[in-house]
């Protein structure tokens, strides 16, 4: 018999299995919570802000052209802050047992459009070392910038912030949404494999002889 999912068959399956829309998402959220709590180490973040500016002779202010040139080099400055050279400088400074590429994966450098203020955010599972890493990146970059870019200097605007644990809320939301989708898939599969004969057309599709039907009369039987 050809299986066709109709609205009625879907609604029948939904009425029988609607509880899955609650049970499966809750189950997946609980599993995600258990895995995050028992097996995965919490992740912490810390950030610092630095300003890249041009140096001028005496106490004069940077000219408009100098500031414009610095802004045009913004992407280069951002890449340099998170480069392997900077990471290796931090590794050498603190005698870290990791590679420059591994440390670079923990670092994110961001800035607003046409801004020379950069936010350096570091993630790590050890809250006791993350502030040191964050400040170290800013200090190494401050030392190297005058060597790499003439007539520029870096000012550390803010020291590393206190470690903050990364929230797992996004994981729980995704687990719940996946549970809802999975429950709907189960309902659709149940509707598609429902072989109950409810109409004469289903008998015709099976090429069986239809002898007649007996109407259901609701009432008391004597």
C-alpha atoms as a PDB file:
ATOM      1  CA  UNK A   1       0.000   0.000   0.000  1.00  0.00           C
ATOM      2  CA  UNK A   2       1.363   3.384  -0.982  1.00  0.00           C
ATOM      3  CA  UNK A   3       2.193   5.457   2.078  1.00  0.00           C
ATOM      4  CA  UNK A   4       1.079   9.092   1.909  1.00  0.00           C
ATOM      5  CA  UNK A   5       1.411  11.422   4.863  1.00  0.00           C
ATOM      6  CA  UNK A   6      -1.747  13.466   5.239  1.00  0.00           C
ATOM      7  CA  UNK A   7      -2.573  16.156   7.733  1.00  0.00           C
ATOM      8  CA  UNK A   8      -4.982  13.799   9.489  1.00  0.00           C
ATOM      9  CA  UNK A   9      -2.393  11.020   9.819  1.00  0.00           C
ATOM     10  CA  UNK A  10       0.168  13.506  11.099  1.00  0.00           C
ATOM     11  CA  UNK A  11      -2.285  14.887  13.667  1.00  0.00           C
ATOM     12  CA  UNK A  12      -3.185  11.368  14.820  1.00  0.00           C
ATOM     13  CA  UNK A  13       0.490  10.573  15.362  1.00  0.00           C
ATOM     14  CA  UNK A  14       1.024  13.936  17.029  1.00  0.00           C
ATOM     15  CA  UNK A  15      -1.827  13.302  19.495  1.00  0.00           C
ATOM     16  CA  UNK A  16      -0.276   9.958  20.441  1.00  0.00           C
ATOM     17  CA  UNK A  17       3.327  11.158  20.654  1.00  0.00           C
ATOM     18  CA  UNK A  18       3.039  14.822  21.695  1.00  0.00           C
ATOM     19  CA  UNK A  19       4.782  14.034  24.986  1.00  0.00           C
ATOM     20  CA  UNK A  20       8.002  13.364  23.029  1.00  0.00           C
ATOM     21  CA  UNK A  21       8.204  17.099  22.301  1.00  0.00           C
ATOM     22  CA  UNK A  22       8.760  17.577  26.031  1.00  0.00           C
ATOM     23  CA  UNK A  23      10.578  14.403  27.045  1.00  0.00           C
ATOM     24  CA  UNK A  24      13.280  14.310  24.331  1.00  0.00           C
ATOM     25  CA  UNK A  25      14.400  17.985  24.653  1.00  0.00           C
ATOM     26  CA  UNK A  26      14.548  17.700  28.454  1.00  0.00           C
ATOM     27  CA  UNK A  27      16.494  14.441  28.192  1.00  0.00           C
ATOM     28  CA  UNK A  28      19.051  15.963  25.801  1.00  0.00           C
ATOM     29  CA  UNK A  29      19.445  19.058  27.990  1.00  0.00           C
ATOM     30  CA  UNK A  30      20.053  16.852  31.048  1.00  0.00           C
ATOM     31  CA  UNK A  31      22.631  14.788  29.131  1.00  0.00           C
ATOM     32  CA  UNK A  32      24.377  17.975  27.950  1.00  0.00           C
ATOM     33  CA  UNK A  33      24.398  19.309  31.512  1.00  0.00           C
ATOM     34  CA  UNK A  34      25.833  16.043  32.845  1.00  0.00           C
ATOM     35  CA  UNK A  35      28.574  15.920  30.207  1.00  0.00           C
ATOM     36  CA  UNK A  36      29.492  19.581  30.764  1.00  0.00           C
ATOM     37  CA  UNK A  37      29.599  19.147  34.544  1.00  0.00           C
ATOM     38  CA  UNK A  38      31.236  15.740  34.933  1.00  0.00           C
ATOM     39  CA  UNK A  39      33.570  15.387  31.953  1.00  0.00           C
ATOM     40  CA  UNK A  40      34.303  18.763  30.355  1.00  0.00           C
ATOM     41  CA  UNK A  41      36.467  21.338  32.084  1.00  0.00           C
ATOM     42  CA  UNK A  42      34.903  24.795  32.434  1.00  0.00           C
ATOM     43  CA  UNK A  43      36.286  27.435  30.082  1.00  0.00           C
ATOM     44  CA  UNK A  44      37.228  30.913  31.321  1.00  0.00           C
ATOM     45  CA  UNK A  45      37.813  34.161  29.462  1.00  0.00           C
ATOM     46  CA  UNK A  46      39.790  37.296  30.209  1.00  0.00           C
ATOM     47  CA  UNK A  47      40.291  40.395  28.080  1.00  0.00           C
ATOM     48  CA  UNK A  48      42.436  43.496  27.868  1.00  0.00           C
ATOM     49  CA  UNK A  49      42.316  46.607  25.691  1.00  0.00           C
ATOM     50  CA  UNK A  50      45.200  48.286  23.881  1.00  0.00           C
ATOM     51  CA  UNK A  51      45.464  51.423  21.768  1.00  0.00           C
ATOM     52  CA  UNK A  52      47.765  51.692  18.762  1.00  0.00           C
ATOM     53  CA  UNK A  53      48.726  55.275  17.997  1.00  0.00           C
ATOM     54  CA  UNK A  54      51.387  57.178  16.099  1.00  0.00           C
ATOM     55  CA  UNK A  55      54.358  58.785  17.794  1.00  0.00           C
ATOM     56  CA  UNK A  56      55.128  62.451  17.215  1.00  0.00           C
ATOM     57  CA  UNK A  57      58.080  64.640  17.987  1.00  0.00           C
ATOM     58  CA  UNK A  58      57.691  66.630  21.148  1.00  0.00           C
ATOM     59  CA  UNK A  59      54.236  66.890  22.671  1.00  0.00           C
ATOM     60  CA  UNK A  60      52.413  67.518  19.405  1.00  0.00           C
ATOM     61  CA  UNK A  61      49.228  65.677  18.468  1.00  0.00           C
ATOM     62  CA  UNK A  62      49.253  63.160  15.583  1.00  0.00           C
ATOM     63  CA  UNK A  63      48.157  64.669  12.285  1.00  0.00           C
ATOM     64  CA  UNK A  64      45.003  63.603  10.463  1.00  0.00           C
ATOM     65  CA  UNK A  65      47.043  61.847   7.779  1.00  0.00           C
ATOM     66  CA  UNK A  66      48.993  59.890  10.381  1.00  0.00           C
ATOM     67  CA  UNK A  67      45.793  58.730  12.077  1.00  0.00           C
ATOM     68  CA  UNK A  68      44.252  57.842   8.700  1.00  0.00           C
ATOM     69  CA  UNK A  69      47.302  55.768   7.798  1.00  0.00           C
ATOM     70  CA  UNK A  70      47.114  53.943  11.130  1.00  0.00           C
ATOM     71  CA  UNK A  71      43.432  53.140  10.575  1.00  0.00           C
ATOM     72  CA  UNK A  72      44.226  51.760   7.121  1.00  0.00           C
ATOM     73  CA  UNK A  73      46.755  49.462   8.780  1.00  0.00           C
ATOM     74  CA  UNK A  74      44.135  48.290  11.272  1.00  0.00           C
ATOM     75  CA  UNK A  75      43.866  44.750   9.883  1.00  0.00           C
ATOM     76  CA  UNK A  76      47.652  44.445   9.901  1.00  0.00           C
ATOM     77  CA  UNK A  77      47.795  45.548  13.539  1.00  0.00           C
ATOM     78  CA  UNK A  78      45.052  43.065  14.459  1.00  0.00           C
ATOM     79  CA  UNK A  79      46.829  40.197  12.696  1.00  0.00           C
ATOM     80  CA  UNK A  80      50.111  41.092  14.387  1.00  0.00           C
ATOM     81  CA  UNK A  81      48.506  41.025  17.844  1.00  0.00           C
ATOM     82  CA  UNK A  82      47.395  37.427  17.294  1.00  0.00           C
ATOM     83  CA  UNK A  83      50.403  36.305  15.257  1.00  0.00           C
ATOM     84  CA  UNK A  84      52.686  33.355  15.967  1.00  0.00           C
ATOM     85  CA  UNK A  85      55.517  35.820  16.671  1.00  0.00           C
ATOM     86  CA  UNK A  86      53.547  37.390  19.515  1.00  0.00           C
ATOM     87  CA  UNK A  87      52.452  34.005  20.852  1.00  0.00           C
ATOM     88  CA  UNK A  88      56.020  32.710  20.807  1.00  0.00           C
ATOM     89  CA  UNK A  89      57.127  35.773  22.760  1.00  0.00           C
ATOM     90  CA  UNK A  90      54.536  34.984  25.442  1.00  0.00           C
ATOM     91  CA  UNK A  91      55.586  31.315  25.510  1.00  0.00           C
ATOM     92  CA  UNK A  92      59.235  32.274  25.959  1.00  0.00           C
ATOM     93  CA  UNK A  93      58.391  34.835  28.629  1.00  0.00           C
ATOM     94  CA  UNK A  94      56.406  32.446  30.830  1.00  0.00           C
ATOM     95  CA  UNK A  95      58.102  29.159  29.787  1.00  0.00           C
ATOM     96  CA  UNK A  96      54.805  27.674  28.619  1.00  0.00           C
ATOM     97  CA  UNK A  97      54.598  24.067  27.476  1.00  0.00           C
ATOM     98  CA  UNK A  98      52.561  24.680  24.317  1.00  0.00           C
ATOM     99  CA  UNK A  99      53.047  25.673  20.700  1.00  0.00           C
ATOM    100  CA  UNK A 100      52.492  29.121  19.232  1.00  0.00           C
ATOM    101  CA  UNK A 101      49.618  27.853  17.063  1.00  0.00           C
ATOM    102  CA  UNK A 102      47.906  26.247  20.071  1.00  0.00           C
ATOM    103  CA  UNK A 103      48.110  29.497  22.031  1.00  0.00           C
ATOM    104  CA  UNK A 104      46.918  31.497  19.003  1.00  0.00           C
ATOM    105  CA  UNK A 105      43.764  29.359  18.906  1.00  0.00           C
ATOM    106  CA  UNK A 106      42.964  30.617  22.413  1.00  0.00           C
ATOM    107  CA  UNK A 107      43.267  34.283  21.416  1.00  0.00           C
ATOM    108  CA  UNK A 108      40.717  36.489  19.658  1.00  0.00           C
ATOM    109  CA  UNK A 109      41.472  40.080  18.630  1.00  0.00           C
ATOM    110  CA  UNK A 110      38.571  42.416  17.831  1.00  0.00           C
ATOM    111  CA  UNK A 111      38.076  46.120  17.192  1.00  0.00           C
ATOM    112  CA  UNK A 112      35.333  48.446  16.062  1.00  0.00           C
ATOM    113  CA  UNK A 113      35.308  49.798  12.524  1.00  0.00           C
ATOM    114  CA  UNK A 114      37.795  52.643  11.990  1.00  0.00           C
ATOM    115  CA  UNK A 115      39.059  52.232  15.537  1.00  0.00           C
ATOM    116  CA  UNK A 116      42.606  51.774  16.789  1.00  0.00           C
ATOM    117  CA  UNK A 117      41.447  50.297  20.104  1.00  0.00           C
ATOM    118  CA  UNK A 118      41.804  46.507  20.121  1.00  0.00           C
ATOM    119  CA  UNK A 119      40.282  44.041  22.554  1.00  0.00           C
ATOM    120  CA  UNK A 120      42.361  40.923  23.179  1.00  0.00           C
ATOM    121  CA  UNK A 121      40.283  38.049  24.568  1.00  0.00           C
ATOM    122  CA  UNK A 122      41.911  34.853  25.818  1.00  0.00           C
ATOM    123  CA  UNK A 123      40.159  31.574  26.682  1.00  0.00           C
ATOM    124  CA  UNK A 124      41.670  28.905  28.913  1.00  0.00           C
ATOM    125  CA  UNK A 125      40.595  26.158  31.298  1.00  0.00           C
ATOM    126  CA  UNK A 126      42.957  27.374  34.055  1.00  0.00           C
ATOM    127  CA  UNK A 127      41.603  30.531  35.734  1.00  0.00           C
ATOM    128  CA  UNK A 128      44.843  31.015  37.688  1.00  0.00           C
ATOM    129  CA  UNK A 129      46.906  31.550  34.520  1.00  0.00           C
ATOM    130  CA  UNK A 130      44.529  33.266  32.142  1.00  0.00           C
ATOM    131  CA  UNK A 131      45.143  36.792  33.470  1.00  0.00           C
ATOM    132  CA  UNK A 132      48.884  36.246  33.129  1.00  0.00           C
ATOM    133  CA  UNK A 133      48.450  35.107  29.520  1.00  0.00           C
ATOM    134  CA  UNK A 134      46.231  38.063  28.652  1.00  0.00           C
ATOM    135  CA  UNK A 135      48.569  40.638  30.170  1.00  0.00           C
ATOM    136  CA  UNK A 136      51.549  38.854  28.621  1.00  0.00           C
ATOM    137  CA  UNK A 137      50.138  39.166  25.098  1.00  0.00           C
ATOM    138  CA  UNK A 138      49.562  42.894  25.589  1.00  0.00           C
ATOM    139  CA  UNK A 139      53.040  43.432  27.048  1.00  0.00           C
ATOM    140  CA  UNK A 140      54.853  41.443  24.346  1.00  0.00           C
ATOM    141  CA  UNK A 141      52.890  43.257  21.631  1.00  0.00           C
ATOM    142  CA  UNK A 142      53.676  46.621  23.210  1.00  0.00           C
ATOM    143  CA  UNK A 143      57.389  45.803  23.145  1.00  0.00           C
ATOM    144  CA  UNK A 144      57.384  44.515  19.556  1.00  0.00           C
ATOM    145  CA  UNK A 145      55.199  47.152  17.923  1.00  0.00           C
ATOM    146  CA  UNK A 146      57.863  49.849  18.011  1.00  0.00           C
ATOM    147  CA  UNK A 147      60.229  47.432  16.259  1.00  0.00           C
ATOM    148  CA  UNK A 148      57.762  46.266  13.623  1.00  0.00           C
ATOM    149  CA  UNK A 149      56.005  49.556  12.870  1.00  0.00           C
ATOM    150  CA  UNK A 150      58.033  52.729  12.860  1.00  0.00           C
ATOM    151  CA  UNK A 151      56.429  55.845  14.334  1.00  0.00           C
ATOM    152  CA  UNK A 152      53.813  53.785  16.196  1.00  0.00           C
ATOM    153  CA  UNK A 153      53.375  52.884  19.814  1.00  0.00           C
ATOM    154  CA  UNK A 154      50.964  50.801  21.828  1.00  0.00           C
ATOM    155  CA  UNK A 155      49.283  51.898  25.033  1.00  0.00           C
ATOM    156  CA  UNK A 156      47.654  49.349  27.348  1.00  0.00           C
ATOM    157  CA  UNK A 157      44.315  50.904  28.254  1.00  0.00           C
ATOM    158  CA  UNK A 158      43.087  48.161  30.583  1.00  0.00           C
ATOM    159  CA  UNK A 159      44.811  45.336  32.367  1.00  0.00           C
ATOM    160  CA  UNK A 160      43.391  41.843  32.058  1.00  0.00           C
ATOM    161  CA  UNK A 161      39.933  41.458  33.518  1.00  0.00           C
ATOM    162  CA  UNK A 162      39.139  38.883  36.188  1.00  0.00           C
ATOM    163  CA  UNK A 163      38.463  35.393  34.761  1.00  0.00           C
ATOM    164  CA  UNK A 164      34.829  34.817  33.840  1.00  0.00           C
ATOM    165  CA  UNK A 165      33.422  31.369  33.166  1.00  0.00           C
ATOM    166  CA  UNK A 166      31.952  30.882  29.704  1.00  0.00           C
ATOM    167  CA  UNK A 167      28.223  30.218  29.870  1.00  0.00           C
ATOM    168  CA  UNK A 168      26.885  26.899  28.562  1.00  0.00           C
ATOM    169  CA  UNK A 169      23.473  28.417  27.807  1.00  0.00           C
ATOM    170  CA  UNK A 170      23.982  28.168  24.032  1.00  0.00           C
ATOM    171  CA  UNK A 171      24.740  24.444  24.361  1.00  0.00           C
ATOM    172  CA  UNK A 172      21.526  23.872  26.315  1.00  0.00           C
ATOM    173  CA  UNK A 173      19.450  25.847  23.807  1.00  0.00           C
ATOM    174  CA  UNK A 174      20.906  23.877  20.892  1.00  0.00           C
ATOM    175  CA  UNK A 175      20.295  20.592  22.726  1.00  0.00           C
ATOM    176  CA  UNK A 176      16.663  21.581  23.330  1.00  0.00           C
ATOM    177  CA  UNK A 177      16.119  22.622  19.701  1.00  0.00           C
ATOM    178  CA  UNK A 178      17.685  19.390  18.454  1.00  0.00           C
ATOM    179  CA  UNK A 179      15.361  17.472  20.770  1.00  0.00           C
ATOM    180  CA  UNK A 180      12.300  19.231  19.325  1.00  0.00           C
ATOM    181  CA  UNK A 181      13.439  18.486  15.758  1.00  0.00           C
ATOM    182  CA  UNK A 182      14.110  14.846  16.656  1.00  0.00           C
ATOM    183  CA  UNK A 183      10.653  14.517  18.207  1.00  0.00           C
ATOM    184  CA  UNK A 184       9.007  15.909  15.053  1.00  0.00           C
ATOM    185  CA  UNK A 185      11.001  13.463  12.915  1.00  0.00           C
ATOM    186  CA  UNK A 186       9.718  10.575  15.040  1.00  0.00           C
ATOM    187  CA  UNK A 187       6.127  11.821  14.669  1.00  0.00           C
ATOM    188  CA  UNK A 188       6.505  12.094  10.878  1.00  0.00           C
ATOM    189  CA  UNK A 189       8.025   8.609  10.640  1.00  0.00           C
ATOM    190  CA  UNK A 190       5.207   7.216  12.757  1.00  0.00           C
ATOM    191  CA  UNK A 191       2.654   8.841  10.448  1.00  0.00           C
ATOM    192  CA  UNK A 192       4.402   7.555   7.314  1.00  0.00           C
ATOM    193  CA  UNK A 193       4.490   3.949   8.571  1.00  0.00           C
ATOM    194  CA  UNK A 194       0.921   3.880   9.847  1.00  0.00           C
ATOM    195  CA  UNK A 195      -0.632   0.878   8.009  1.00  0.00           C
ATOM    196  CA  UNK A 196      -4.070   1.140   9.584  1.00  0.00           C
ATOM    197  CA  UNK A 197      -6.836   0.946   6.936  1.00  0.00           C
ATOM    198  CA  UNK A 198      -9.291   3.757   7.518  1.00  0.00           C
ATOM    199  CA  UNK A 199     -10.769   4.384   4.044  1.00  0.00           C
ATOM    200  CA  UNK A 200     -12.061   2.333   1.122  1.00  0.00           C
ATOM    201  CA  UNK A 201      -9.327   3.776  -1.115  1.00  0.00           C
ATOM    202  CA  UNK A 202      -6.720   1.915   0.936  1.00  0.00           C
ATOM    203  CA  UNK A 203      -8.511  -1.385   0.172  1.00  0.00           C
ATOM    204  CA  UNK A 204      -8.611  -0.534  -3.529  1.00  0.00           C
ATOM    205  CA  UNK A 205      -4.863   0.096  -3.519  1.00  0.00           C
ATOM    206  CA  UNK A 206      -4.350  -3.398  -2.087  1.00  0.00           C
ATOM    207  CA  UNK A 207      -6.527  -4.814  -4.922  1.00  0.00           C
ATOM    208  CA  UNK A 208      -8.837  -6.534  -2.443  1.00  0.00           C
ATOM    209  CA  UNK A 209     -12.551  -7.125  -2.927  1.00  0.00           C
ATOM    210  CA  UNK A 210     -14.706  -4.705  -0.990  1.00  0.00           C
ATOM    211  CA  UNK A 211     -17.782  -6.502   0.360  1.00  0.00           C
ATOM    212  CA  UNK A 212     -19.299  -3.678   2.358  1.00  0.00           C
ATOM    213  CA  UNK A 213     -18.935  -1.701   5.527  1.00  0.00           C
ATOM    214  CA  UNK A 214     -20.748  -1.737   8.832  1.00  0.00           C
ATOM    215  CA  UNK A 215     -21.471   1.669  10.337  1.00  0.00           C
ATOM    216  CA  UNK A 216     -20.679   2.213  13.977  1.00  0.00           C
ATOM    217  CA  UNK A 217     -23.799   3.005  16.013  1.00  0.00           C
ATOM    218  CA  UNK A 218     -23.158   4.450  19.399  1.00  0.00           C
ATOM    219  CA  UNK A 219     -25.581   3.313  22.059  1.00  0.00           C
ATOM    220  CA  UNK A 220     -26.295   0.775  24.778  1.00  0.00           C
ATOM    221  CA  UNK A 221     -26.283  -2.877  23.795  1.00  0.00           C
ATOM    222  CA  UNK A 222     -29.150  -4.976  25.130  1.00  0.00           C
END
